[in-house]
Amino acid sequence: MKSFYHYLMKYRHPKPKDKISDFANHAYHDHGFPKNSENYDELSSYLELNGQYLSSMATFDEVWEKYVTETRH
């Protein structure tokens, strides 16, 4: 299964069109992002401490739900 980061990268966009593509663009430039993680708690903790670029954790939760639905069926 692909990591959350790998999944998130499909939302990267040169001109962010929504909060998810904005999140993806920032995560791409965040060299400390846990790129190989598939663990919600690890990712959530990391973003709470280091994700100042994320306007709301609700954005992470929204993408996480899509990730789980699309990759774990």
PDB file of N, CA and C in Angstrom:
ATOM      1  N   MET A   1       0.846  -1.190   0.000  1.00  0.00           N
ATOM      2  CA  MET A   1       0.000   0.000   0.000  1.00  0.00           C
ATOM      3  C   MET A   1       0.888   1.249   0.000  1.00  0.00           C
ATOM      4  N   LYS A   2       0.444   2.281  -0.682  1.00  0.00           N
ATOM      5  CA  LYS A   2       1.235   3.497  -0.735  1.00  0.00           C
ATOM      6  C   LYS A   2       1.071   4.314   0.544  1.00  0.00           C
ATOM      7  N   SER A   3       2.089   5.088   0.850  1.00  0.00           N
ATOM      8  CA  SER A   3       2.060   5.927   2.042  1.00  0.00           C
ATOM      9  C   SER A   3       1.051   7.065   1.854  1.00  0.00           C
ATOM     10  N   PHE A   4       0.679   7.687   2.970  1.00  0.00           N
ATOM     11  CA  PHE A   4      -0.228   8.828   2.916  1.00  0.00           C
ATOM     12  C   PHE A   4       0.394   9.951   2.080  1.00  0.00           C
ATOM     13  N   TYR A   5       1.671  10.192   2.289  1.00  0.00           N
ATOM     14  CA  TYR A   5       2.369  11.248   1.536  1.00  0.00           C
ATOM     15  C   TYR A   5       2.274  10.986   0.033  1.00  0.00           C
ATOM     16  N   HIS A   6       2.546   9.763  -0.374  1.00  0.00           N
ATOM     17  CA  HIS A   6       2.481   9.417  -1.792  1.00  0.00           C
ATOM     18  C   HIS A   6       1.073   9.655  -2.337  1.00  0.00           C
ATOM     19  N   TYR A   7       0.074   9.283  -1.550  1.00  0.00           N
ATOM     20  CA  TYR A   7      -1.322   9.522  -1.942  1.00  0.00           C
ATOM     21  C   TYR A   7      -1.590  11.027  -2.060  1.00  0.00           C
ATOM     22  N   LEU A   8      -1.141  11.786  -1.055  1.00  0.00           N
ATOM     23  CA  LEU A   8      -1.386  13.228  -1.011  1.00  0.00           C
ATOM     24  C   LEU A   8      -0.801  13.946  -2.223  1.00  0.00           C
ATOM     25  N   MET A   9       0.312  13.436  -2.734  1.00  0.00           N
ATOM     26  CA  MET A   9       0.988  14.103  -3.849  1.00  0.00           C
ATOM     27  C   MET A   9       0.150  14.154  -5.122  1.00  0.00           C
ATOM     28  N   LYS A  10      -0.866  13.317  -5.228  1.00  0.00           N
ATOM     29  CA  LYS A  10      -1.718  13.402  -6.425  1.00  0.00           C
ATOM     30  C   LYS A  10      -2.541  14.691  -6.440  1.00  0.00           C
ATOM     31  N   TYR A  11      -2.596  15.382  -5.303  1.00  0.00           N
ATOM     32  CA  TYR A  11      -3.341  16.643  -5.214  1.00  0.00           C
ATOM     33  C   TYR A  11      -2.462  17.877  -5.422  1.00  0.00           C
ATOM     34  N   ARG A  12      -1.152  17.672  -5.632  1.00  0.00           N
ATOM     35  CA  ARG A  12      -0.276  18.826  -5.877  1.00  0.00           C
ATOM     36  C   ARG A  12      -0.722  19.538  -7.139  1.00  0.00           C
ATOM     37  N   HIS A  13      -0.619  20.854  -7.086  1.00  0.00           N
ATOM     38  CA  HIS A  13      -1.049  21.657  -8.229  1.00  0.00           C
ATOM     39  C   HIS A  13      -0.216  22.934  -8.245  1.00  0.00           C
ATOM     40  N   PRO A  14       0.291  23.349  -9.406  1.00  0.00           N
ATOM     41  CA  PRO A  14       1.128  24.557  -9.465  1.00  0.00           C
ATOM     42  C   PRO A  14       0.419  25.803  -8.928  1.00  0.00           C
ATOM     43  N   LYS A  15      -0.866  25.866  -9.161  1.00  0.00           N
ATOM     44  CA  LYS A  15      -1.663  26.975  -8.624  1.00  0.00           C
ATOM     45  C   LYS A  15      -2.756  26.337  -7.767  1.00  0.00           C
ATOM     46  N   PRO A  16      -2.501  26.237  -6.460  1.00  0.00           N
ATOM     47  CA  PRO A  16      -3.472  25.536  -5.603  1.00  0.00           C
ATOM     48  C   PRO A  16      -4.887  26.050  -5.824  1.00  0.00           C
ATOM     49  N   LYS A  17      -5.780  25.095  -6.056  1.00  0.00           N
ATOM     50  CA  LYS A  17      -7.160  25.480  -6.346  1.00  0.00           C
ATOM     51  C   LYS A  17      -8.078  25.271  -5.154  1.00  0.00           C
ATOM     52  N   ASP A  18      -7.562  24.608  -4.115  1.00  0.00           N
ATOM     53  CA  ASP A  18      -8.361  24.401  -2.904  1.00  0.00           C
ATOM     54  C   ASP A  18      -7.428  24.104  -1.732  1.00  0.00           C
ATOM     55  N   LYS A  19      -7.994  23.899  -0.564  1.00  0.00           N
ATOM     56  CA  LYS A  19      -7.185  23.698   0.640  1.00  0.00           C
ATOM     57  C   LYS A  19      -6.409  22.381   0.601  1.00  0.00           C
ATOM     58  N   ILE A  20      -6.918  21.389  -0.115  1.00  0.00           N
ATOM     59  CA  ILE A  20      -6.203  20.110  -0.211  1.00  0.00           C
ATOM     60  C   ILE A  20      -4.967  20.246  -1.092  1.00  0.00           C
ATOM     61  N   SER A  21      -5.084  20.910  -2.224  1.00  0.00           N
ATOM     62  CA  SER A  21      -3.904  21.086  -3.069  1.00  0.00           C
ATOM     63  C   SER A  21      -2.889  22.011  -2.394  1.00  0.00           C
ATOM     64  N   ASP A  22      -3.354  22.963  -1.616  1.00  0.00           N
ATOM     65  CA  ASP A  22      -2.456  23.827  -0.853  1.00  0.00           C
ATOM     66  C   ASP A  22      -1.692  22.994   0.189  1.00  0.00           C
ATOM     67  N   PHE A  23      -2.397  22.111   0.877  1.00  0.00           N
ATOM     68  CA  PHE A  23      -1.780  21.195   1.840  1.00  0.00           C
ATOM     69  C   PHE A  23      -0.737  20.321   1.143  1.00  0.00           C
ATOM     70  N   ALA A  24      -1.083  19.751   0.007  1.00  0.00           N
ATOM     71  CA  ALA A  24      -0.161  18.878  -0.733  1.00  0.00           C
ATOM     72  C   ALA A  24       1.101  19.635  -1.149  1.00  0.00           C
ATOM     73  N   ASN A  25       0.940  20.847  -1.634  1.00  0.00           N
ATOM     74  CA  ASN A  25       2.095  21.640  -2.046  1.00  0.00           C
ATOM     75  C   ASN A  25       3.020  21.923  -0.860  1.00  0.00           C
ATOM     76  N   HIS A  26       2.447  22.283   0.274  1.00  0.00           N
ATOM     77  CA  HIS A  26       3.262  22.559   1.463  1.00  0.00           C
ATOM     78  C   HIS A  26       3.932  21.288   1.985  1.00  0.00           C
ATOM     79  N   ALA A  27       3.218  20.179   2.002  1.00  0.00           N
ATOM     80  CA  ALA A  27       3.799  18.915   2.464  1.00  0.00           C
ATOM     81  C   ALA A  27       4.976  18.522   1.579  1.00  0.00           C
ATOM     82  N   TYR A  28       4.878  18.788   0.300  1.00  0.00           N
ATOM     83  CA  TYR A  28       5.961  18.484  -0.642  1.00  0.00           C
ATOM     84  C   TYR A  28       7.249  19.214  -0.253  1.00  0.00           C
ATOM     85  N   HIS A  29       7.109  20.441   0.204  1.00  0.00           N
ATOM     86  CA  HIS A  29       8.272  21.256   0.574  1.00  0.00           C
ATOM     87  C   HIS A  29       8.707  21.040   2.024  1.00  0.00           C
ATOM     88  N   ASP A  30       7.951  20.286   2.789  1.00  0.00           N
ATOM     89  CA  ASP A  30       8.260  20.008   4.194  1.00  0.00           C
ATOM     90  C   ASP A  30       9.177  18.783   4.252  1.00  0.00           C
ATOM     91  N   HIS A  31      10.471  19.032   4.397  1.00  0.00           N
ATOM     92  CA  HIS A  31      11.452  17.944   4.347  1.00  0.00           C
ATOM     93  C   HIS A  31      11.364  17.003   5.540  1.00  0.00           C
ATOM     94  N   GLY A  32      10.672  17.413   6.596  1.00  0.00           N
ATOM     95  CA  GLY A  32      10.522  16.554   7.764  1.00  0.00           C
ATOM     96  C   GLY A  32       9.258  15.711   7.747  1.00  0.00           C
ATOM     97  N   PHE A  33       8.408  15.917   6.761  1.00  0.00           N
ATOM     98  CA  PHE A  33       7.137  15.195   6.695  1.00  0.00           C
ATOM     99  C   PHE A  33       7.401  13.686   6.678  1.00  0.00           C
ATOM    100  N   PRO A  34       6.661  12.922   7.497  1.00  0.00           N
ATOM    101  CA  PRO A  34       6.866  11.459   7.516  1.00  0.00           C
ATOM    102  C   PRO A  34       6.379  10.803   6.228  1.00  0.00           C
ATOM    103  N   LYS A  35       7.238  10.788   5.239  1.00  0.00           N
ATOM    104  CA  LYS A  35       6.873  10.389   3.881  1.00  0.00           C
ATOM    105  C   LYS A  35       6.497   8.920   3.722  1.00  0.00           C
ATOM    106  N   ASN A  36       6.939   8.070   4.627  1.00  0.00           N
ATOM    107  CA  ASN A  36       6.650   6.640   4.485  1.00  0.00           C
ATOM    108  C   ASN A  36       5.535   6.153   5.410  1.00  0.00           C
ATOM    109  N   SER A  37       4.920   7.063   6.134  1.00  0.00           N
ATOM    110  CA  SER A  37       3.935   6.660   7.132  1.00  0.00           C
ATOM    111  C   SER A  37       2.564   6.359   6.541  1.00  0.00           C
ATOM    112  N   GLU A  38       1.937   5.361   7.144  1.00  0.00           N
ATOM    113  CA  GLU A  38       0.538   5.020   6.852  1.00  0.00           C
ATOM    114  C   GLU A  38      -0.269   5.087   8.139  1.00  0.00           C
ATOM    115  N   ASN A  39       0.315   5.726   9.172  1.00  0.00           N
ATOM    116  CA  ASN A  39      -0.262   5.726  10.511  1.00  0.00           C
ATOM    117  C   ASN A  39      -0.892   7.083  10.838  1.00  0.00           C
ATOM    118  N   TYR A  40      -2.185   7.069  11.105  1.00  0.00           N
ATOM    119  CA  TYR A  40      -2.924   8.305  11.380  1.00  0.00           C
ATOM    120  C   TYR A  40      -2.331   9.067  12.560  1.00  0.00           C
ATOM    121  N   ASP A  41      -2.072   8.366  13.670  1.00  0.00           N
ATOM    122  CA  ASP A  41      -1.587   9.039  14.877  1.00  0.00           C
ATOM    123  C   ASP A  41      -0.228   9.694  14.652  1.00  0.00           C
ATOM    124  N   GLU A  42       0.657   9.000  13.964  1.00  0.00           N
ATOM    125  CA  GLU A  42       1.983   9.566  13.677  1.00  0.00           C
ATOM    126  C   GLU A  42       1.856  10.827  12.816  1.00  0.00           C
ATOM    127  N   LEU A  43       1.057  10.754  11.776  1.00  0.00           N
ATOM    128  CA  LEU A  43       0.879  11.897  10.880  1.00  0.00           C
ATOM    129  C   LEU A  43       0.181  13.057  11.578  1.00  0.00           C
ATOM    130  N   SER A  44      -0.853  12.753  12.328  1.00  0.00           N
ATOM    131  CA  SER A  44      -1.601  13.781  13.037  1.00  0.00           C
ATOM    132  C   SER A  44      -0.712  14.504  14.049  1.00  0.00           C
ATOM    133  N   SER A  45       0.054  13.740  14.818  1.00  0.00           N
ATOM    134  CA  SER A  45       0.965  14.346  15.807  1.00  0.00           C
ATOM    135  C   SER A  45       2.000  15.222  15.116  1.00  0.00           C
ATOM    136  N   TYR A  46       2.556  14.730  14.030  1.00  0.00           N
ATOM    137  CA  TYR A  46       3.551  15.514  13.296  1.00  0.00           C
ATOM    138  C   TYR A  46       2.948  16.844  12.836  1.00  0.00           C
ATOM    139  N   LEU A  47       1.771  16.779  12.244  1.00  0.00           N
ATOM    140  CA  LEU A  47       1.156  17.999  11.716  1.00  0.00           C
ATOM    141  C   LEU A  47       0.745  18.967  12.819  1.00  0.00           C
ATOM    142  N   GLU A  48       0.321  18.446  13.953  1.00  0.00           N
ATOM    143  CA  GLU A  48      -0.040  19.335  15.056  1.00  0.00           C
ATOM    144  C   GLU A  48       1.176  20.107  15.557  1.00  0.00           C
ATOM    145  N   LEU A  49       2.336  19.493  15.512  1.00  0.00           N
ATOM    146  CA  LEU A  49       3.557  20.145  15.992  1.00  0.00           C
ATOM    147  C   LEU A  49       4.298  20.927  14.903  1.00  0.00           C
ATOM    148  N   ASN A  50       4.186  20.506  13.649  1.00  0.00           N
ATOM    149  CA  ASN A  50       5.010  21.073  12.582  1.00  0.00           C
ATOM    150  C   ASN A  50       4.239  21.590  11.373  1.00  0.00           C
ATOM    151  N   GLY A  51       2.950  21.432  11.355  1.00  0.00           N
ATOM    152  CA  GLY A  51       2.168  21.786  10.170  1.00  0.00           C
ATOM    153  C   GLY A  51       1.564  23.164  10.226  1.00  0.00           C
ATOM    154  N   GLN A  52       2.393  24.168  10.517  1.00  0.00           N
ATOM    155  CA  GLN A  52       1.872  25.539  10.589  1.00  0.00           C
ATOM    156  C   GLN A  52       1.244  25.974   9.275  1.00  0.00           C
ATOM    157  N   TYR A  53       1.636  25.344   8.197  1.00  0.00           N
ATOM    158  CA  TYR A  53       1.081  25.658   6.877  1.00  0.00           C
ATOM    159  C   TYR A  53      -0.332  25.117   6.693  1.00  0.00           C
ATOM    160  N   LEU A  54      -0.767  24.244   7.601  1.00  0.00           N
ATOM    161  CA  LEU A  54      -2.094  23.644   7.493  1.00  0.00           C
ATOM    162  C   LEU A  54      -3.081  24.524   8.259  1.00  0.00           C
ATOM    163  N   SER A  55      -4.034  25.113   7.551  1.00  0.00           N
ATOM    164  CA  SER A  55      -4.949  26.063   8.193  1.00  0.00           C
ATOM    165  C   SER A  55      -5.856  25.396   9.220  1.00  0.00           C
ATOM    166  N   SER A  56      -6.147  24.115   9.013  1.00  0.00           N
ATOM    167  CA  SER A  56      -7.022  23.387   9.932  1.00  0.00           C
ATOM    168  C   SER A  56      -6.726  21.900   9.841  1.00  0.00           C
ATOM    169  N   MET A  57      -6.737  21.231  10.984  1.00  0.00           N
ATOM    170  CA  MET A  57      -6.539  19.777  10.984  1.00  0.00           C
ATOM    171  C   MET A  57      -7.704  19.082  10.279  1.00  0.00           C
ATOM    172  N   ALA A  58      -8.818  19.772  10.114  1.00  0.00           N
ATOM    173  CA  ALA A  58      -9.955  19.204   9.392  1.00  0.00           C
ATOM    174  C   ALA A  58      -9.563  18.876   7.949  1.00  0.00           C
ATOM    175  N   THR A  59      -8.646  19.644   7.381  1.00  0.00           N
ATOM    176  CA  THR A  59      -8.173  19.366   6.019  1.00  0.00           C
ATOM    177  C   THR A  59      -7.438  18.034   5.994  1.00  0.00           C
ATOM    178  N   PHE A  60      -6.558  17.820   6.973  1.00  0.00           N
ATOM    179  CA  PHE A  60      -5.860  16.533   7.068  1.00  0.00           C
ATOM    180  C   PHE A  60      -6.871  15.399   7.219  1.00  0.00           C
ATOM    181  N   ASP A  61      -7.838  15.575   8.121  1.00  0.00           N
ATOM    182  CA  ASP A  61      -8.842  14.532   8.346  1.00  0.00           C
ATOM    183  C   ASP A  61      -9.627  14.214   7.071  1.00  0.00           C
ATOM    184  N   GLU A  62      -9.934  15.241   6.299  1.00  0.00           N
ATOM    185  CA  GLU A  62     -10.675  15.050   5.040  1.00  0.00           C
ATOM    186  C   GLU A  62      -9.847  14.216   4.056  1.00  0.00           C
ATOM    187  N   VAL A  63      -8.571  14.549   3.912  1.00  0.00           N
ATOM    188  CA  VAL A  63      -7.714  13.799   2.999  1.00  0.00           C
ATOM    189  C   VAL A  63      -7.471  12.393   3.539  1.00  0.00           C
ATOM    190  N   TRP A  64      -7.340  12.269   4.854  1.00  0.00           N
ATOM    191  CA  TRP A  64      -7.133  10.941   5.450  1.00  0.00           C
ATOM    192  C   TRP A  64      -8.300  10.016   5.111  1.00  0.00           C
ATOM    193  N   GLU A  65      -9.526  10.512   5.214  1.00  0.00           N
ATOM    194  CA  GLU A  65     -10.708   9.705   4.895  1.00  0.00           C
ATOM    195  C   GLU A  65     -10.685   9.247   3.435  1.00  0.00           C
ATOM    196  N   LYS A  66     -10.293  10.151   2.541  1.00  0.00           N
ATOM    197  CA  LYS A  66     -10.181   9.787   1.127  1.00  0.00           C
ATOM    198  C   LYS A  66      -9.106   8.718   0.947  1.00  0.00           C
ATOM    199  N   TYR A  67      -7.989   8.893   1.624  1.00  0.00           N
ATOM    200  CA  TYR A  67      -6.878   7.939   1.555  1.00  0.00           C
ATOM    201  C   TYR A  67      -7.316   6.553   2.005  1.00  0.00           C
ATOM    202  N   VAL A  68      -7.975   6.481   3.143  1.00  0.00           N
ATOM    203  CA  VAL A  68      -8.428   5.197   3.669  1.00  0.00           C
ATOM    204  C   VAL A  68      -9.436   4.554   2.709  1.00  0.00           C
ATOM    205  N   THR A  69     -10.382   5.334   2.247  1.00  0.00           N
ATOM    206  CA  THR A  69     -11.413   4.813   1.345  1.00  0.00           C
ATOM    207  C   THR A  69     -10.814   4.303   0.037  1.00  0.00           C
ATOM    208  N   GLU A  70      -9.874   5.031  -0.527  1.00  0.00           N
ATOM    209  CA  GLU A  70      -9.350   4.690  -1.847  1.00  0.00           C
ATOM    210  C   GLU A  70      -8.227   3.658  -1.820  1.00  0.00           C
ATOM    211  N   THR A  71      -7.520   3.532  -0.706  1.00  0.00           N
ATOM    212  CA  THR A  71      -6.363   2.630  -0.697  1.00  0.00           C
ATOM    213  C   THR A  71      -6.560   1.363   0.119  1.00  0.00           C
ATOM    214  N   ARG A  72      -7.597   1.320   0.927  1.00  0.00           N
ATOM    215  CA  ARG A  72      -7.756   0.164   1.818  1.00  0.00           C
ATOM    216  C   ARG A  72      -9.073  -0.572   1.591  1.00  0.00           C
ATOM    217  N   HIS A  73      -9.479  -0.718   0.375  1.00  0.00           N
ATOM    218  CA  HIS A  73     -10.735  -1.430   0.116  1.00  0.00           C
ATOM    219  C   HIS A  73     -10.529  -2.877  -0.187  1.00  0.00           C
TER     220      HIS A  73
END
